[in-house]
Amino acid sequence: MSDLLFIGHHPYLGGGDPERLLHILETVSEIAPKVLVRGHGPVGIADSLTQMGRYVECMDGLAHKLVEDGEAEETIDAMAVPEPYDDWLFAAFFPVNMHFLYQRRLGEQRGVVI
């Protein structure tokens, strides 16, 4: 899985395509793997794919809501990491991911895909 799967860690989503990542996670999940080897850290199981997908969906959903509600991007810097991700490692990636997803959603709202 390399860096397509993070277990108990915030992934770095910047510059990527969250929809494509979700598609990849779903495709691998359909294979029903018993063991998943990621780039760094512990070996995962099939549920690890679900957890990673939920993370991506949650962060993208938060970014979508911020843009939809007209919130300034700066509000991200004061946001707390939502549960159940608040104890995940690499927490510094949370605001980075949120800024990236916010800009993607803002671009979509303006008709520009980032």
PDB file of N, CA and C in Angstrom:
ATOM      1  N   MET A   1       0.817  -1.207   0.000  1.00  0.00           N
ATOM      2  CA  MET A   1       0.000   0.000   0.000  1.00  0.00           C
ATOM      3  C   MET A   1       0.856   1.264   0.000  1.00  0.00           C
ATOM      4  N   SER A   2       2.104   1.130   0.433  1.00  0.00           N
ATOM      5  CA  SER A   2       3.004   2.267   0.467  1.00  0.00           C
ATOM      6  C   SER A   2       2.340   3.439   1.209  1.00  0.00           C
ATOM      7  N   ASP A   3       2.402   4.639   0.651  1.00  0.00           N
ATOM      8  CA  ASP A   3       1.835   5.811   1.323  1.00  0.00           C
ATOM      9  C   ASP A   3       0.374   6.061   0.961  1.00  0.00           C
ATOM     10  N   LEU A   4      -0.304   5.061   0.421  1.00  0.00           N
ATOM     11  CA  LEU A   4      -1.744   5.172   0.176  1.00  0.00           C
ATOM     12  C   LEU A   4      -2.534   4.833   1.429  1.00  0.00           C
ATOM     13  N   LEU A   5      -1.870   4.267   2.424  1.00  0.00           N
ATOM     14  CA  LEU A   5      -2.551   3.859   3.649  1.00  0.00           C
ATOM     15  C   LEU A   5      -1.758   4.315   4.856  1.00  0.00           C
ATOM     16  N   PHE A   6      -2.426   5.011   5.740  1.00  0.00           N
ATOM     17  CA  PHE A   6      -1.858   5.420   7.020  1.00  0.00           C
ATOM     18  C   PHE A   6      -2.713   4.791   8.106  1.00  0.00           C
ATOM     19  N   ILE A   7      -2.072   4.276   9.126  1.00  0.00           N
ATOM     20  CA  ILE A   7      -2.786   3.622  10.215  1.00  0.00           C
ATOM     21  C   ILE A   7      -2.457   4.362  11.508  1.00  0.00           C
ATOM     22  N   GLY A   8      -3.463   4.984  12.107  1.00  0.00           N
ATOM     23  CA  GLY A   8      -3.245   5.730  13.336  1.00  0.00           C
ATOM     24  C   GLY A   8      -2.408   6.980  13.164  1.00  0.00           C
ATOM     25  N   HIS A   9      -2.258   7.423  11.939  1.00  0.00           N
ATOM     26  CA  HIS A   9      -1.498   8.627  11.604  1.00  0.00           C
ATOM     27  C   HIS A   9      -2.305   9.465  10.610  1.00  0.00           C
ATOM     28  N   HIS A  10      -2.204  10.782  10.743  1.00  0.00           N
ATOM     29  CA  HIS A  10      -2.809  11.651   9.740  1.00  0.00           C
ATOM     30  C   HIS A  10      -1.990  11.503   8.464  1.00  0.00           C
ATOM     31  N   PRO A  11      -2.649  11.206   7.340  1.00  0.00           N
ATOM     32  CA  PRO A  11      -1.915  11.150   6.077  1.00  0.00           C
ATOM     33  C   PRO A  11      -1.647  12.558   5.580  1.00  0.00           C
ATOM     34  N   TYR A  12      -0.744  12.680   4.632  1.00  0.00           N
ATOM     35  CA  TYR A  12      -0.534  13.949   3.949  1.00  0.00           C
ATOM     36  C   TYR A  12      -1.360  13.888   2.672  1.00  0.00           C
ATOM     37  N   LEU A  13      -2.382  14.738   2.582  1.00  0.00           N
ATOM     38  CA  LEU A  13      -3.282  14.731   1.429  1.00  0.00           C
ATOM     39  C   LEU A  13      -2.949  15.815   0.409  1.00  0.00           C
ATOM     40  N   GLY A  14      -2.133  16.783   0.783  1.00  0.00           N
ATOM     41  CA  GLY A  14      -1.840  17.926  -0.079  1.00  0.00           C
ATOM     42  C   GLY A  14      -1.322  17.534  -1.445  1.00  0.00           C
ATOM     43  N   GLY A  15      -1.892  18.130  -2.458  1.00  0.00           N
ATOM     44  CA  GLY A  15      -1.458  17.884  -3.821  1.00  0.00           C
ATOM     45  C   GLY A  15      -2.034  16.624  -4.434  1.00  0.00           C
ATOM     46  N   GLY A  16      -2.811  15.893  -3.658  1.00  0.00           N
ATOM     47  CA  GLY A  16      -3.397  14.660  -4.159  1.00  0.00           C
ATOM     48  C   GLY A  16      -4.830  14.848  -4.615  1.00  0.00           C
ATOM     49  N   ASP A  17      -5.461  13.756  -4.908  1.00  0.00           N
ATOM     50  CA  ASP A  17      -6.854  13.747  -5.351  1.00  0.00           C
ATOM     51  C   ASP A  17      -7.646  12.874  -4.383  1.00  0.00           C
ATOM     52  N   PRO A  18      -8.365  13.481  -3.445  1.00  0.00           N
ATOM     53  CA  PRO A  18      -9.064  12.691  -2.438  1.00  0.00           C
ATOM     54  C   PRO A  18     -10.083  11.719  -3.018  1.00  0.00           C
ATOM     55  N   GLU A  19     -10.751  12.108  -4.090  1.00  0.00           N
ATOM     56  CA  GLU A  19     -11.731  11.200  -4.704  1.00  0.00           C
ATOM     57  C   GLU A  19     -11.036   9.967  -5.276  1.00  0.00           C
ATOM     58  N   ARG A  20      -9.905  10.172  -5.917  1.00  0.00           N
ATOM     59  CA  ARG A  20      -9.140   9.059  -6.481  1.00  0.00           C
ATOM     60  C   ARG A  20      -8.609   8.157  -5.368  1.00  0.00           C
ATOM     61  N   LEU A  21      -8.135   8.759  -4.285  1.00  0.00           N
ATOM     62  CA  LEU A  21      -7.652   7.975  -3.154  1.00  0.00           C
ATOM     63  C   LEU A  21      -8.770   7.111  -2.589  1.00  0.00           C
ATOM     64  N   LEU A  22      -9.956   7.685  -2.427  1.00  0.00           N
ATOM     65  CA  LEU A  22     -11.097   6.904  -1.926  1.00  0.00           C
ATOM     66  C   LEU A  22     -11.426   5.757  -2.868  1.00  0.00           C
ATOM     67  N   HIS A  23     -11.347   6.009  -4.166  1.00  0.00           N
ATOM     68  CA  HIS A  23     -11.606   4.954  -5.154  1.00  0.00           C
ATOM     69  C   HIS A  23     -10.580   3.822  -5.010  1.00  0.00           C
ATOM     70  N   ILE A  24      -9.325   4.178  -4.839  1.00  0.00           N
ATOM     71  CA  ILE A  24      -8.270   3.171  -4.670  1.00  0.00           C
ATOM     72  C   ILE A  24      -8.518   2.353  -3.408  1.00  0.00           C
ATOM     73  N   LEU A  25      -8.832   3.025  -2.313  1.00  0.00           N
ATOM     74  CA  LEU A  25      -9.090   2.314  -1.058  1.00  0.00           C
ATOM     75  C   LEU A  25     -10.267   1.352  -1.201  1.00  0.00           C
ATOM     76  N   GLU A  26     -11.321   1.785  -1.888  1.00  0.00           N
ATOM     77  CA  GLU A  26     -12.486   0.923  -2.111  1.00  0.00           C
ATOM     78  C   GLU A  26     -12.129  -0.272  -2.993  1.00  0.00           C
ATOM     79  N   THR A  27     -11.343  -0.030  -4.025  1.00  0.00           N
ATOM     80  CA  THR A  27     -10.942  -1.097  -4.936  1.00  0.00           C
ATOM     81  C   THR A  27     -10.119  -2.153  -4.203  1.00  0.00           C
ATOM     82  N   VAL A  28      -9.167  -1.717  -3.397  1.00  0.00           N
ATOM     83  CA  VAL A  28      -8.360  -2.663  -2.622  1.00  0.00           C
ATOM     84  C   VAL A  28      -9.241  -3.402  -1.623  1.00  0.00           C
ATOM     85  N   SER A  29     -10.176  -2.697  -1.019  1.00  0.00           N
ATOM     86  CA  SER A  29     -11.081  -3.325  -0.052  1.00  0.00           C
ATOM     87  C   SER A  29     -11.894  -4.451  -0.690  1.00  0.00           C
ATOM     88  N   GLU A  30     -12.289  -4.280  -1.943  1.00  0.00           N
ATOM     89  CA  GLU A  30     -13.071  -5.307  -2.654  1.00  0.00           C
ATOM     90  C   GLU A  30     -12.298  -6.603  -2.839  1.00  0.00           C
ATOM     91  N   ILE A  31     -10.987  -6.531  -2.804  1.00  0.00           N
ATOM     92  CA  ILE A  31     -10.145  -7.718  -2.908  1.00  0.00           C
ATOM     93  C   ILE A  31     -10.201  -8.535  -1.608  1.00  0.00           C
ATOM     94  N   ALA A  32     -10.676  -7.903  -0.535  1.00  0.00           N
ATOM     95  CA  ALA A  32     -10.759  -8.512   0.802  1.00  0.00           C
ATOM     96  C   ALA A  32      -9.391  -8.974   1.300  1.00  0.00           C
ATOM     97  N   PRO A  33      -8.432  -8.051   1.388  1.00  0.00           N
ATOM     98  CA  PRO A  33      -7.099  -8.441   1.848  1.00  0.00           C
ATOM     99  C   PRO A  33      -7.104  -8.833   3.323  1.00  0.00           C
ATOM    100  N   LYS A  34      -6.223  -9.717   3.665  1.00  0.00           N
ATOM    101  CA  LYS A  34      -6.084 -10.145   5.063  1.00  0.00           C
ATOM    102  C   LYS A  34      -5.023  -9.304   5.778  1.00  0.00           C
ATOM    103  N   VAL A  35      -3.997  -8.900   5.021  1.00  0.00           N
ATOM    104  CA  VAL A  35      -2.882  -8.129   5.568  1.00  0.00           C
ATOM    105  C   VAL A  35      -2.556  -7.011   4.592  1.00  0.00           C
ATOM    106  N   LEU A  36      -2.271  -5.835   5.137  1.00  0.00           N
ATOM    107  CA  LEU A  36      -1.902  -4.679   4.315  1.00  0.00           C
ATOM    108  C   LEU A  36      -0.589  -4.113   4.827  1.00  0.00           C
ATOM    109  N   VAL A  37       0.385  -4.003   3.952  1.00  0.00           N
ATOM    110  CA  VAL A  37       1.676  -3.460   4.330  1.00  0.00           C
ATOM    111  C   VAL A  37       1.735  -2.023   3.818  1.00  0.00           C
ATOM    112  N   ARG A  38       1.952  -1.119   4.718  1.00  0.00           N
ATOM    113  CA  ARG A  38       2.027   0.291   4.329  1.00  0.00           C
ATOM    114  C   ARG A  38       3.480   0.735   4.289  1.00  0.00           C
ATOM    115  N   GLY A  39       3.706   1.945   3.905  1.00  0.00           N
ATOM    116  CA  GLY A  39       5.069   2.441   3.752  1.00  0.00           C
ATOM    117  C   GLY A  39       5.839   2.499   5.056  1.00  0.00           C
ATOM    118  N   HIS A  40       5.182   2.876   6.145  1.00  0.00           N
ATOM    119  CA  HIS A  40       5.834   3.020   7.448  1.00  0.00           C
ATOM    120  C   HIS A  40       4.842   2.561   8.515  1.00  0.00           C
ATOM    121  N   GLY A  41       5.352   1.964   9.557  1.00  0.00           N
ATOM    122  CA  GLY A  41       4.505   1.623  10.691  1.00  0.00           C
ATOM    123  C   GLY A  41       3.951   0.224  10.649  1.00  0.00           C
ATOM    124  N   PRO A  42       2.895   0.014  11.432  1.00  0.00           N
ATOM    125  CA  PRO A  42       2.368  -1.343  11.613  1.00  0.00           C
ATOM    126  C   PRO A  42       1.670  -1.889  10.368  1.00  0.00           C
ATOM    127  N   VAL A  43       1.557  -3.190  10.360  1.00  0.00           N
ATOM    128  CA  VAL A  43       0.807  -3.876   9.308  1.00  0.00           C
ATOM    129  C   VAL A  43      -0.672  -3.646   9.582  1.00  0.00           C
ATOM    130  N   GLY A  44      -1.450  -3.489   8.520  1.00  0.00           N
ATOM    131  CA  GLY A  44      -2.874  -3.228   8.673  1.00  0.00           C
ATOM    132  C   GLY A  44      -3.725  -4.413   8.285  1.00  0.00           C
ATOM    133  N   ILE A  45      -5.008  -4.252   8.525  1.00  0.00           N
ATOM    134  CA  ILE A  45      -6.013  -5.240   8.149  1.00  0.00           C
ATOM    135  C   ILE A  45      -7.052  -4.545   7.279  1.00  0.00           C
ATOM    136  N   ALA A  46      -8.003  -5.303   6.781  1.00  0.00           N
ATOM    137  CA  ALA A  46      -9.009  -4.740   5.869  1.00  0.00           C
ATOM    138  C   ALA A  46      -9.697  -3.511   6.466  1.00  0.00           C
ATOM    139  N   ASP A  47      -9.965  -3.514   7.754  1.00  0.00           N
ATOM    140  CA  ASP A  47     -10.636  -2.382   8.395  1.00  0.00           C
ATOM    141  C   ASP A  47      -9.782  -1.107   8.334  1.00  0.00           C
ATOM    142  N   SER A  48      -8.484  -1.263   8.191  1.00  0.00           N
ATOM    143  CA  SER A  48      -7.600  -0.093   8.082  1.00  0.00           C
ATOM    144  C   SER A  48      -7.954   0.753   6.861  1.00  0.00           C
ATOM    145  N   LEU A  49      -8.389   0.096   5.791  1.00  0.00           N
ATOM    146  CA  LEU A  49      -8.818   0.808   4.586  1.00  0.00           C
ATOM    147  C   LEU A  49     -10.058   1.648   4.871  1.00  0.00           C
ATOM    148  N   THR A  50     -10.985   1.064   5.617  1.00  0.00           N
ATOM    149  CA  THR A  50     -12.218   1.767   5.985  1.00  0.00           C
ATOM    150  C   THR A  50     -11.904   2.986   6.841  1.00  0.00           C
ATOM    151  N   GLN A  51     -11.020   2.820   7.818  1.00  0.00           N
ATOM    152  CA  GLN A  51     -10.659   3.933   8.693  1.00  0.00           C
ATOM    153  C   GLN A  51     -10.009   5.067   7.912  1.00  0.00           C
ATOM    154  N   MET A  52      -9.126   4.719   7.003  1.00  0.00           N
ATOM    155  CA  MET A  52      -8.462   5.740   6.179  1.00  0.00           C
ATOM    156  C   MET A  52      -9.486   6.456   5.295  1.00  0.00           C
ATOM    157  N   GLY A  53     -10.398   5.696   4.697  1.00  0.00           N
ATOM    158  CA  GLY A  53     -11.443   6.300   3.874  1.00  0.00           C
ATOM    159  C   GLY A  53     -12.327   7.241   4.664  1.00  0.00           C
ATOM    160  N   ARG A  54     -12.674   6.844   5.873  1.00  0.00           N
ATOM    161  CA  ARG A  54     -13.503   7.708   6.728  1.00  0.00           C
ATOM    162  C   ARG A  54     -12.775   9.004   7.065  1.00  0.00           C
ATOM    163  N   TYR A  55     -11.477   8.907   7.294  1.00  0.00           N
ATOM    164  CA  TYR A  55     -10.687  10.101   7.577  1.00  0.00           C
ATOM    165  C   TYR A  55     -10.778  11.073   6.399  1.00  0.00           C
ATOM    166  N   VAL A  56     -10.506  10.573   5.207  1.00  0.00           N
ATOM    167  CA  VAL A  56     -10.537  11.425   4.007  1.00  0.00           C
ATOM    168  C   VAL A  56     -11.923  12.043   3.834  1.00  0.00           C
ATOM    169  N   GLU A  57     -12.965  11.239   3.979  1.00  0.00           N
ATOM    170  CA  GLU A  57     -14.337  11.743   3.838  1.00  0.00           C
ATOM    171  C   GLU A  57     -14.658  12.784   4.903  1.00  0.00           C
ATOM    172  N   CYS A  58     -14.217  12.555   6.132  1.00  0.00           N
ATOM    173  CA  CYS A  58     -14.481  13.503   7.223  1.00  0.00           C
ATOM    174  C   CYS A  58     -13.797  14.840   6.964  1.00  0.00           C
ATOM    175  N   MET A  59     -12.525  14.802   6.610  1.00  0.00           N
ATOM    176  CA  MET A  59     -11.784  16.045   6.374  1.00  0.00           C
ATOM    177  C   MET A  59     -12.352  16.804   5.175  1.00  0.00           C
ATOM    178  N   ASP A  60     -12.669  16.072   4.115  1.00  0.00           N
ATOM    179  CA  ASP A  60     -13.247  16.719   2.942  1.00  0.00           C
ATOM    180  C   ASP A  60     -14.620  17.288   3.260  1.00  0.00           C
ATOM    181  N   GLY A  61     -15.378  16.578   4.060  1.00  0.00           N
ATOM    182  CA  GLY A  61     -16.693  17.078   4.478  1.00  0.00           C
ATOM    183  C   GLY A  61     -16.582  18.352   5.304  1.00  0.00           C
ATOM    184  N   LEU A  62     -15.596  18.389   6.200  1.00  0.00           N
ATOM    185  CA  LEU A  62     -15.373  19.602   6.999  1.00  0.00           C
ATOM    186  C   LEU A  62     -14.992  20.778   6.100  1.00  0.00           C
ATOM    187  N   ALA A  63     -14.101  20.523   5.151  1.00  0.00           N
ATOM    188  CA  ALA A  63     -13.678  21.589   4.233  1.00  0.00           C
ATOM    189  C   ALA A  63     -14.858  22.071   3.399  1.00  0.00           C
ATOM    190  N   HIS A  64     -15.659  21.134   2.924  1.00  0.00           N
ATOM    191  CA  HIS A  64     -16.832  21.483   2.127  1.00  0.00           C
ATOM    192  C   HIS A  64     -17.781  22.380   2.931  1.00  0.00           C
ATOM    193  N   LYS A  65     -18.001  22.025   4.190  1.00  0.00           N
ATOM    194  CA  LYS A  65     -18.904  22.814   5.044  1.00  0.00           C
ATOM    195  C   LYS A  65     -18.342  24.213   5.287  1.00  0.00           C
ATOM    196  N   LEU A  66     -17.042  24.308   5.525  1.00  0.00           N
ATOM    197  CA  LEU A  66     -16.437  25.629   5.731  1.00  0.00           C
ATOM    198  C   LEU A  66     -16.658  26.531   4.521  1.00  0.00           C
ATOM    199  N   VAL A  67     -16.407  25.998   3.346  1.00  0.00           N
ATOM    200  CA  VAL A  67     -16.578  26.783   2.117  1.00  0.00           C
ATOM    201  C   VAL A  67     -18.051  27.117   1.903  1.00  0.00           C
ATOM    202  N   GLU A  68     -18.900  26.117   2.081  1.00  0.00           N
ATOM    203  CA  GLU A  68     -20.344  26.323   1.882  1.00  0.00           C
ATOM    204  C   GLU A  68     -20.899  27.378   2.833  1.00  0.00           C
ATOM    205  N   ASP A  69     -20.376  27.394   4.072  1.00  0.00           N
ATOM    206  CA  ASP A  69     -20.845  28.357   5.073  1.00  0.00           C
ATOM    207  C   ASP A  69     -20.164  29.713   4.959  1.00  0.00           C
ATOM    208  N   GLY A  70     -19.244  29.857   4.014  1.00  0.00           N
ATOM    209  CA  GLY A  70     -18.557  31.135   3.823  1.00  0.00           C
ATOM    210  C   GLY A  70     -17.521  31.445   4.885  1.00  0.00           C
ATOM    211  N   GLU A  71     -17.037  30.415   5.570  1.00  0.00           N
ATOM    212  CA  GLU A  71     -16.026  30.617   6.614  1.00  0.00           C
ATOM    213  C   GLU A  71     -14.687  30.968   5.976  1.00  0.00           C
ATOM    214  N   ALA A  72     -13.947  31.831   6.627  1.00  0.00           N
ATOM    215  CA  ALA A  72     -12.613  32.201   6.148  1.00  0.00           C
ATOM    216  C   ALA A  72     -11.660  31.028   6.347  1.00  0.00           C
ATOM    217  N   GLU A  73     -10.732  30.889   5.433  1.00  0.00           N
ATOM    218  CA  GLU A  73      -9.765  29.789   5.518  1.00  0.00           C
ATOM    219  C   GLU A  73      -8.976  29.828   6.830  1.00  0.00           C
ATOM    220  N   GLU A  74      -8.759  31.001   7.372  1.00  0.00           N
ATOM    221  CA  GLU A  74      -7.981  31.156   8.599  1.00  0.00           C
ATOM    222  C   GLU A  74      -8.612  30.431   9.791  1.00  0.00           C
ATOM    223  N   THR A  75      -9.912  30.154   9.726  1.00  0.00           N
ATOM    224  CA  THR A  75     -10.564  29.451  10.838  1.00  0.00           C
ATOM    225  C   THR A  75      -9.992  28.041  11.008  1.00  0.00           C
ATOM    226  N   ILE A  76      -9.399  27.505   9.962  1.00  0.00           N
ATOM    227  CA  ILE A  76      -8.806  26.167  10.036  1.00  0.00           C
ATOM    228  C   ILE A  76      -7.707  26.128  11.091  1.00  0.00           C
ATOM    229  N   ASP A  77      -6.937  27.202  11.194  1.00  0.00           N
ATOM    230  CA  ASP A  77      -5.804  27.222  12.113  1.00  0.00           C
ATOM    231  C   ASP A  77      -6.218  27.127  13.579  1.00  0.00           C
ATOM    232  N   ALA A  78      -7.455  27.447  13.886  1.00  0.00           N
ATOM    233  CA  ALA A  78      -7.945  27.356  15.254  1.00  0.00           C
ATOM    234  C   ALA A  78      -8.772  26.094  15.507  1.00  0.00           C
ATOM    235  N   MET A  79      -8.965  25.291  14.469  1.00  0.00           N
ATOM    236  CA  MET A  79      -9.801  24.098  14.597  1.00  0.00           C
ATOM    237  C   MET A  79      -9.082  23.005  15.383  1.00  0.00           C
ATOM    238  N   ALA A  80      -9.859  22.320  16.206  1.00  0.00           N
ATOM    239  CA  ALA A  80      -9.346  21.135  16.898  1.00  0.00           C
ATOM    240  C   ALA A  80      -9.509  19.938  15.967  1.00  0.00           C
ATOM    241  N   VAL A  81      -8.629  18.995  16.098  1.00  0.00           N
ATOM    242  CA  VAL A  81      -8.736  17.760  15.324  1.00  0.00           C
ATOM    243  C   VAL A  81      -9.968  17.013  15.823  1.00  0.00           C
ATOM    244  N   PRO A  82     -10.875  16.648  14.931  1.00  0.00           N
ATOM    245  CA  PRO A  82     -12.089  15.963  15.369  1.00  0.00           C
ATOM    246  C   PRO A  82     -11.825  14.519  15.823  1.00  0.00           C
ATOM    247  N   GLU A  83     -12.676  14.054  16.725  1.00  0.00           N
ATOM    248  CA  GLU A  83     -12.629  12.645  17.117  1.00  0.00           C
ATOM    249  C   GLU A  83     -13.090  11.815  15.937  1.00  0.00           C
ATOM    250  N   PRO A  84     -12.637  10.661  15.740  1.00  0.00           N
ATOM    251  CA  PRO A  84     -11.702   9.868  16.537  1.00  0.00           C
ATOM    252  C   PRO A  84     -10.254  10.048  16.111  1.00  0.00           C
ATOM    253  N   TYR A  85      -9.952  11.129  15.410  1.00  0.00           N
ATOM    254  CA  TYR A  85      -8.616  11.334  14.859  1.00  0.00           C
ATOM    255  C   TYR A  85      -7.732  12.201  15.752  1.00  0.00           C
ATOM    256  N   ASP A  86      -8.263  12.641  16.877  1.00  0.00           N
ATOM    257  CA  ASP A  86      -7.551  13.571  17.749  1.00  0.00           C
ATOM    258  C   ASP A  86      -6.350  12.951  18.458  1.00  0.00           C
ATOM    259  N   ASP A  87      -6.263  11.623  18.469  1.00  0.00           N
ATOM    260  CA  ASP A  87      -5.094  10.997  19.085  1.00  0.00           C
ATOM    261  C   ASP A  87      -4.162  10.359  18.047  1.00  0.00           C
ATOM    262  N   TRP A  88      -4.436  10.584  16.768  1.00  0.00           N
ATOM    263  CA  TRP A  88      -3.574  10.053  15.717  1.00  0.00           C
ATOM    264  C   TRP A  88      -2.258  10.832  15.691  1.00  0.00           C
ATOM    265  N   LEU A  89      -1.200  10.155  15.299  1.00  0.00           N
ATOM    266  CA  LEU A  89       0.105  10.784  15.153  1.00  0.00           C
ATOM    267  C   LEU A  89       0.148  11.638  13.883  1.00  0.00           C
ATOM    268  N   PHE A  90       1.176  12.431  13.748  1.00  0.00           N
ATOM    269  CA  PHE A  90       1.354  13.366  12.629  1.00  0.00           C
ATOM    270  C   PHE A  90       0.228  14.408  12.594  1.00  0.00           C
ATOM    271  N   ALA A  91      -0.188  14.864  13.775  1.00  0.00           N
ATOM    272  CA  ALA A  91      -1.283  15.834  13.874  1.00  0.00           C
ATOM    273  C   ALA A  91      -0.984  17.122  13.115  1.00  0.00           C
ATOM    274  N   ALA A  92       0.280  17.407  12.863  1.00  0.00           N
ATOM    275  CA  ALA A  92       0.634  18.618  12.102  1.00  0.00           C
ATOM    276  C   ALA A  92       0.092  18.561  10.679  1.00  0.00           C
ATOM    277  N   PHE A  93      -0.231  17.363  10.191  1.00  0.00           N
ATOM    278  CA  PHE A  93      -0.807  17.241   8.853  1.00  0.00           C
ATOM    279  C   PHE A  93      -2.284  17.646   8.819  1.00  0.00           C
ATOM    280  N   PHE A  94      -2.945  17.679   9.979  1.00  0.00           N
ATOM    281  CA  PHE A  94      -4.369  18.035   9.989  1.00  0.00           C
ATOM    282  C   PHE A  94      -4.614  19.406   9.367  1.00  0.00           C
ATOM    283  N   PRO A  95      -3.977  20.497   9.862  1.00  0.00           N
ATOM    284  CA  PRO A  95      -4.257  21.797   9.238  1.00  0.00           C
ATOM    285  C   PRO A  95      -3.782  21.865   7.788  1.00  0.00           C
ATOM    286  N   VAL A  96      -2.691  21.192   7.479  1.00  0.00           N
ATOM    287  CA  VAL A  96      -2.187  21.179   6.098  1.00  0.00           C
ATOM    288  C   VAL A  96      -3.233  20.540   5.190  1.00  0.00           C
ATOM    289  N   ASN A  97      -3.769  19.404   5.624  1.00  0.00           N
ATOM    290  CA  ASN A  97      -4.810  18.722   4.846  1.00  0.00           C
ATOM    291  C   ASN A  97      -6.049  19.590   4.702  1.00  0.00           C
ATOM    292  N   MET A  98      -6.441  20.238   5.789  1.00  0.00           N
ATOM    293  CA  MET A  98      -7.645  21.063   5.755  1.00  0.00           C
ATOM    294  C   MET A  98      -7.473  22.261   4.817  1.00  0.00           C
ATOM    295  N   HIS A  99      -6.304  22.897   4.843  1.00  0.00           N
ATOM    296  CA  HIS A  99      -6.068  24.027   3.933  1.00  0.00           C
ATOM    297  C   HIS A  99      -6.128  23.553   2.476  1.00  0.00           C
ATOM    298  N   PHE A 100      -5.501  22.414   2.202  1.00  0.00           N
ATOM    299  CA  PHE A 100      -5.525  21.873   0.846  1.00  0.00           C
ATOM    300  C   PHE A 100      -6.944  21.558   0.403  1.00  0.00           C
ATOM    301  N   LEU A 101      -7.712  20.867   1.249  1.00  0.00           N
ATOM    302  CA  LEU A 101      -9.085  20.488   0.892  1.00  0.00           C
ATOM    303  C   LEU A 101      -9.991  21.709   0.795  1.00  0.00           C
ATOM    304  N   TYR A 102      -9.761  22.694   1.655  1.00  0.00           N
ATOM    305  CA  TYR A 102     -10.522  23.949   1.597  1.00  0.00           C
ATOM    306  C   TYR A 102     -10.302  24.615   0.236  1.00  0.00           C
ATOM    307  N   GLN A 103      -9.039  24.695  -0.188  1.00  0.00           N
ATOM    308  CA  GLN A 103      -8.734  25.333  -1.467  1.00  0.00           C
ATOM    309  C   GLN A 103      -9.342  24.553  -2.633  1.00  0.00           C
ATOM    310  N   ARG A 104      -9.347  23.229  -2.556  1.00  0.00           N
ATOM    311  CA  ARG A 104      -9.993  22.410  -3.597  1.00  0.00           C
ATOM    312  C   ARG A 104     -11.485  22.724  -3.657  1.00  0.00           C
ATOM    313  N   ARG A 105     -12.126  22.736  -2.503  1.00  0.00           N
ATOM    314  CA  ARG A 105     -13.571  23.007  -2.460  1.00  0.00           C
ATOM    315  C   ARG A 105     -13.879  24.430  -2.904  1.00  0.00           C
ATOM    316  N   LEU A 106     -13.059  25.378  -2.509  1.00  0.00           N
ATOM    317  CA  LEU A 106     -13.252  26.765  -2.932  1.00  0.00           C
ATOM    318  C   LEU A 106     -13.108  26.873  -4.443  1.00  0.00           C
ATOM    319  N   GLY A 107     -12.141  26.182  -4.989  1.00  0.00           N
ATOM    320  CA  GLY A 107     -11.949  26.165  -6.445  1.00  0.00           C
ATOM    321  C   GLY A 107     -13.142  25.567  -7.153  1.00  0.00           C
ATOM    322  N   GLU A 108     -13.658  24.464  -6.621  1.00  0.00           N
ATOM    323  CA  GLU A 108     -14.852  23.847  -7.218  1.00  0.00           C
ATOM    324  C   GLU A 108     -16.028  24.809  -7.198  1.00  0.00           C
ATOM    325  N   GLN A 109     -16.173  25.525  -6.083  1.00  0.00           N
ATOM    326  CA  GLN A 109     -17.266  26.487  -5.977  1.00  0.00           C
ATOM    327  C   GLN A 109     -17.142  27.565  -7.043  1.00  0.00           C
ATOM    328  N   ARG A 110     -15.917  27.900  -7.383  1.00  0.00           N
ATOM    329  CA  ARG A 110     -15.659  28.933  -8.394  1.00  0.00           C
ATOM    330  C   ARG A 110     -15.546  28.364  -9.798  1.00  0.00           C
ATOM    331  N   GLY A 111     -15.716  27.035  -9.913  1.00  0.00           N
ATOM    332  CA  GLY A 111     -15.665  26.397 -11.223  1.00  0.00           C
ATOM    333  C   GLY A 111     -14.266  26.058 -11.685  1.00  0.00           C
ATOM    334  N   VAL A 112     -13.312  26.042 -10.758  1.00  0.00           N
ATOM    335  CA  VAL A 112     -11.928  25.705 -11.082  1.00  0.00           C
ATOM    336  C   VAL A 112     -11.550  24.469 -10.277  1.00  0.00           C
ATOM    337  N   VAL A 113     -11.128  23.425 -10.953  1.00  0.00           N
ATOM    338  CA  VAL A 113     -10.714  22.217 -10.240  1.00  0.00           C
ATOM    339  C   VAL A 113      -9.233  22.274  -9.977  1.00  0.00           C
ATOM    340  N   ILE A 114      -8.871  22.103  -8.708  1.00  0.00           N
ATOM    341  CA  ILE A 114      -7.466  22.157  -8.294  1.00  0.00           C
ATOM    342  C   ILE A 114      -6.935  20.740  -8.206  1.00  0.00           C
TER     343      ILE A 114
END
